[in-house]
Amino acid sequence: MHIDPAVYVRSVIRSVPDWPKPGITFRDITPVLQDPRSFRVLIDLFVYRYMRQRLDLVAGVDARGFILGSVLAYELNLGFVPVRKKGKLPFQTVAEEYSLEYGNASVEMHTDSVRPGQRVLLIDDLIATGGTMLAASKLLQRLGANVIEAAAIIDLPYLGGSQALKDTGLDIYTVCSFDEGAP
């Protein structure tokens, strides 16, 4: 019996209604991470996609992008770069602000995280409005990196983030997507 790996991973993601507030369905990846089989299938999907892309680094977005990005970097024999929330890095940093529905936030990286011309994969767990991923991509580009693709486990296309990223010219890859209100 053949099971599509992306369909399998999607089936393990838990949907939590009305969290963090009423009307929101939270897509929880922790069941995927807790189960060795689904975690391996997920990482293998990314490894097979990127193993011949001549990448130099994987950049993971705080915090769940750290989990995926560090494992993927290890499997691809690449370095890993954290893109952190503002105020979390101890060395000289560069920051990028982005808008949220309730205000603004910033992400930052060490100024020596990447070298000009390096080919970087940007990864996070989910693309919603795209603000965090777009800010991280801008940071990497300001430091001279070539962002080859932005990747995530989940796309929520009804929130417009994946389209906003595509509109900037950034290629994206997601394992699965959820429509608004889908189980």
Protein backbone atom coordinates (compact mmCIF):
# COMPACT_ATOMS: atom_id res chain seq x y z
CA MET A 1 0.00 0.00 0.00
CA HIS A 2 1.37 3.41 -1.02
CA ILE A 3 0.61 6.46 1.07
CA ASP A 4 1.46 9.95 -0.23
CA PRO A 5 3.99 11.32 2.31
CA ALA A 6 2.50 14.83 2.27
CA VAL A 7 -1.01 13.46 2.86
CA TYR A 8 0.36 11.33 5.69
CA VAL A 9 2.06 14.30 7.39
CA ARG A 10 -1.09 16.41 7.00
CA SER A 11 -3.15 13.66 8.64
CA VAL A 12 -0.96 13.78 11.76
CA ILE A 13 -1.22 17.57 12.24
CA ARG A 14 -3.68 18.36 15.01
CA SER A 15 -6.32 21.04 14.49
CA VAL A 16 -7.21 22.86 17.70
CA PRO A 17 -10.40 24.94 17.38
CA ASP A 18 -10.75 28.33 19.09
CA TRP A 19 -7.10 28.67 20.05
CA PRO A 20 -5.48 31.08 20.81
CA LYS A 21 -8.83 32.87 20.54
CA PRO A 22 -12.36 32.08 19.38
CA GLY A 23 -12.71 31.60 15.65
CA ILE A 24 -9.08 30.57 15.10
CA THR A 25 -8.15 26.98 14.30
CA PHE A 26 -4.57 26.37 15.39
CA ARG A 27 -2.58 23.88 13.31
CA ASP A 28 -0.43 22.02 15.82
CA ILE A 29 2.66 20.24 14.45
CA THR A 30 3.71 18.74 17.79
CA PRO A 31 2.06 15.36 17.02
CA VAL A 32 4.23 15.18 13.88
CA LEU A 33 7.34 15.90 15.93
CA GLN A 34 6.41 13.44 18.69
CA ASP A 35 5.91 10.49 16.36
CA PRO A 36 9.21 9.14 14.97
CA ARG A 37 7.64 7.89 11.74
CA SER A 38 5.83 11.10 10.81
CA PHE A 39 8.82 13.25 11.84
CA ARG A 40 11.11 11.17 9.63
CA VAL A 41 8.67 11.32 6.71
CA LEU A 42 8.48 15.11 7.09
CA ILE A 43 12.24 15.62 7.22
CA ASP A 44 12.76 13.20 4.32
CA LEU A 45 10.34 15.24 2.18
CA PHE A 46 12.51 18.30 2.73
CA VAL A 47 15.80 16.41 2.34
CA TYR A 48 14.78 14.90 -1.00
CA ARG A 49 13.63 18.29 -2.25
CA TYR A 50 16.84 20.11 -1.32
CA MET A 51 19.63 17.54 -1.46
CA ARG A 52 20.77 18.64 -4.94
CA GLN A 53 20.10 22.36 -4.65
CA ARG A 54 23.73 23.36 -3.89
CA LEU A 55 22.67 25.16 -0.72
CA ASP A 56 25.14 26.71 1.71
CA LEU A 57 22.95 27.27 4.76
CA VAL A 58 19.53 26.67 6.24
CA ALA A 59 17.96 29.61 8.08
CA GLY A 60 15.20 28.75 10.55
CA VAL A 61 12.65 31.21 11.89
CA ASP A 62 12.09 31.43 15.66
CA ALA A 63 10.92 29.07 17.13
CA ARG A 64 9.52 26.04 15.30
CA GLY A 65 11.67 26.82 12.28
CA PHE A 66 14.63 26.06 14.56
CA ILE A 67 13.43 22.49 15.01
CA LEU A 68 12.95 21.81 11.32
CA GLY A 69 15.87 23.88 10.12
CA SER A 70 18.50 22.42 12.41
CA VAL A 71 17.53 18.83 11.62
CA LEU A 72 17.39 19.60 7.90
CA ALA A 73 20.76 21.37 8.01
CA TYR A 74 22.27 18.35 9.75
CA GLU A 75 20.80 15.94 7.19
CA LEU A 76 22.04 18.08 4.28
CA ASN A 77 25.47 18.64 5.91
CA LEU A 78 24.95 22.41 6.00
CA GLY A 79 25.27 25.12 8.59
CA PHE A 80 22.23 26.48 10.41
CA VAL A 81 21.36 30.14 11.01
CA PRO A 82 18.72 31.19 13.55
CA VAL A 83 16.42 34.09 12.71
CA ARG A 84 15.39 35.24 16.19
CA LYS A 85 12.80 37.44 17.75
CA LYS A 86 14.21 40.83 18.67
CA GLY A 87 16.48 40.98 21.71
CA LYS A 88 17.50 37.31 21.82
CA LEU A 89 20.92 37.40 20.13
CA PRO A 90 24.10 38.35 22.05
CA PHE A 91 26.30 39.68 19.22
CA GLN A 92 25.93 42.53 16.71
CA THR A 93 22.61 42.20 14.91
CA VAL A 94 20.60 43.49 12.02
CA ALA A 95 16.81 43.67 12.39
CA GLU A 96 13.76 43.79 10.19
CA GLU A 97 10.38 44.99 11.41
CA TYR A 98 7.09 43.61 10.12
CA SER A 99 3.41 44.22 10.75
CA LEU A 100 1.07 42.06 12.74
CA GLU A 101 -2.68 42.39 13.00
CA TYR A 102 -2.20 43.93 16.46
CA GLY A 103 1.03 45.93 15.98
CA ASN A 104 4.61 45.42 14.88
CA ALA A 105 7.34 42.90 15.64
CA SER A 106 10.95 42.41 14.59
CA VAL A 107 13.24 39.56 13.74
CA GLU A 108 17.00 39.77 13.78
CA MET A 109 20.16 37.92 12.87
CA HIS A 110 23.82 38.27 13.73
CA THR A 111 25.58 40.50 11.22
CA ASP A 112 28.02 37.66 10.42
CA SER A 113 25.33 34.97 9.92
CA VAL A 114 25.76 34.76 6.17
CA ARG A 115 28.30 35.81 3.59
CA PRO A 116 27.40 37.57 0.36
CA GLY A 117 26.40 35.13 -2.35
CA GLN A 118 25.59 32.23 -0.07
CA ARG A 119 22.60 30.15 -1.15
CA VAL A 120 20.14 29.88 1.74
CA LEU A 121 16.97 27.92 2.35
CA LEU A 122 14.57 29.73 4.68
CA ILE A 123 12.28 27.47 6.73
CA ASP A 124 9.47 27.80 9.26
CA ASP A 125 6.57 25.62 10.35
CA LEU A 126 3.74 27.62 8.80
CA ILE A 127 2.94 30.41 6.36
CA ALA A 128 -0.03 32.47 7.53
CA THR A 129 0.13 36.17 6.62
CA GLY A 130 3.75 35.80 5.51
CA GLY A 131 5.06 38.73 7.56
CA THR A 132 7.69 36.84 9.54
CA MET A 133 8.94 34.89 6.53
CA LEU A 134 9.11 38.05 4.42
CA ALA A 135 11.03 39.91 7.14
CA ALA A 136 13.47 37.00 7.50
CA SER A 137 13.97 36.90 3.73
CA LYS A 138 14.68 40.65 3.65
CA LEU A 139 17.23 40.24 6.45
CA LEU A 140 19.04 37.48 4.60
CA GLN A 141 19.07 39.52 1.40
CA ARG A 142 20.35 42.63 3.22
CA LEU A 143 23.28 40.54 4.39
CA GLY A 144 23.94 39.47 0.79
CA ALA A 145 22.45 35.97 0.80
CA ASN A 146 20.48 34.49 -2.08
CA VAL A 147 17.28 33.05 -0.63
CA ILE A 148 16.68 30.04 -2.86
CA GLU A 149 13.28 29.17 -1.43
CA ALA A 150 11.04 29.68 1.57
CA ALA A 151 9.73 26.39 2.92
CA ALA A 152 7.17 25.41 5.53
CA ILE A 153 5.14 22.42 6.60
CA ILE A 154 1.80 24.22 6.39
CA ASP A 155 0.34 26.89 4.13
CA LEU A 156 -2.83 28.73 5.12
CA PRO A 157 -3.55 30.24 1.68
CA TYR A 158 -6.74 32.01 2.77
CA LEU A 159 -4.59 34.36 4.90
CA GLY A 160 -2.66 35.50 1.81
CA GLY A 161 0.88 34.93 3.05
CA SER A 162 2.05 32.50 0.40
CA GLN A 163 0.77 34.79 -2.34
CA ALA A 164 2.42 37.82 -0.72
CA LEU A 165 5.74 35.94 -0.66
CA LYS A 166 5.34 34.87 -4.29
CA ASP A 167 4.52 38.47 -5.23
CA THR A 168 8.01 39.50 -4.03
CA GLY A 169 9.57 36.90 -6.35
CA LEU A 170 10.32 34.42 -3.58
CA ASP A 171 9.76 30.77 -4.45
CA ILE A 172 7.91 28.82 -1.78
CA TYR A 173 7.36 25.17 -0.96
CA THR A 174 4.94 23.78 1.57
CA VAL A 175 4.19 20.17 2.41
CA CYS A 176 0.45 20.72 2.83
CA SER A 177 -2.22 23.37 3.11
CA PHE A 178 -5.39 23.91 5.09
CA ASP A 179 -8.36 25.89 3.87
CA GLU A 180 -10.22 28.09 6.33
CA GLY A 181 -12.26 25.95 8.67
CA ALA A 182 -10.94 22.65 7.25
CA PRO A 183 -10.51 19.81 9.73
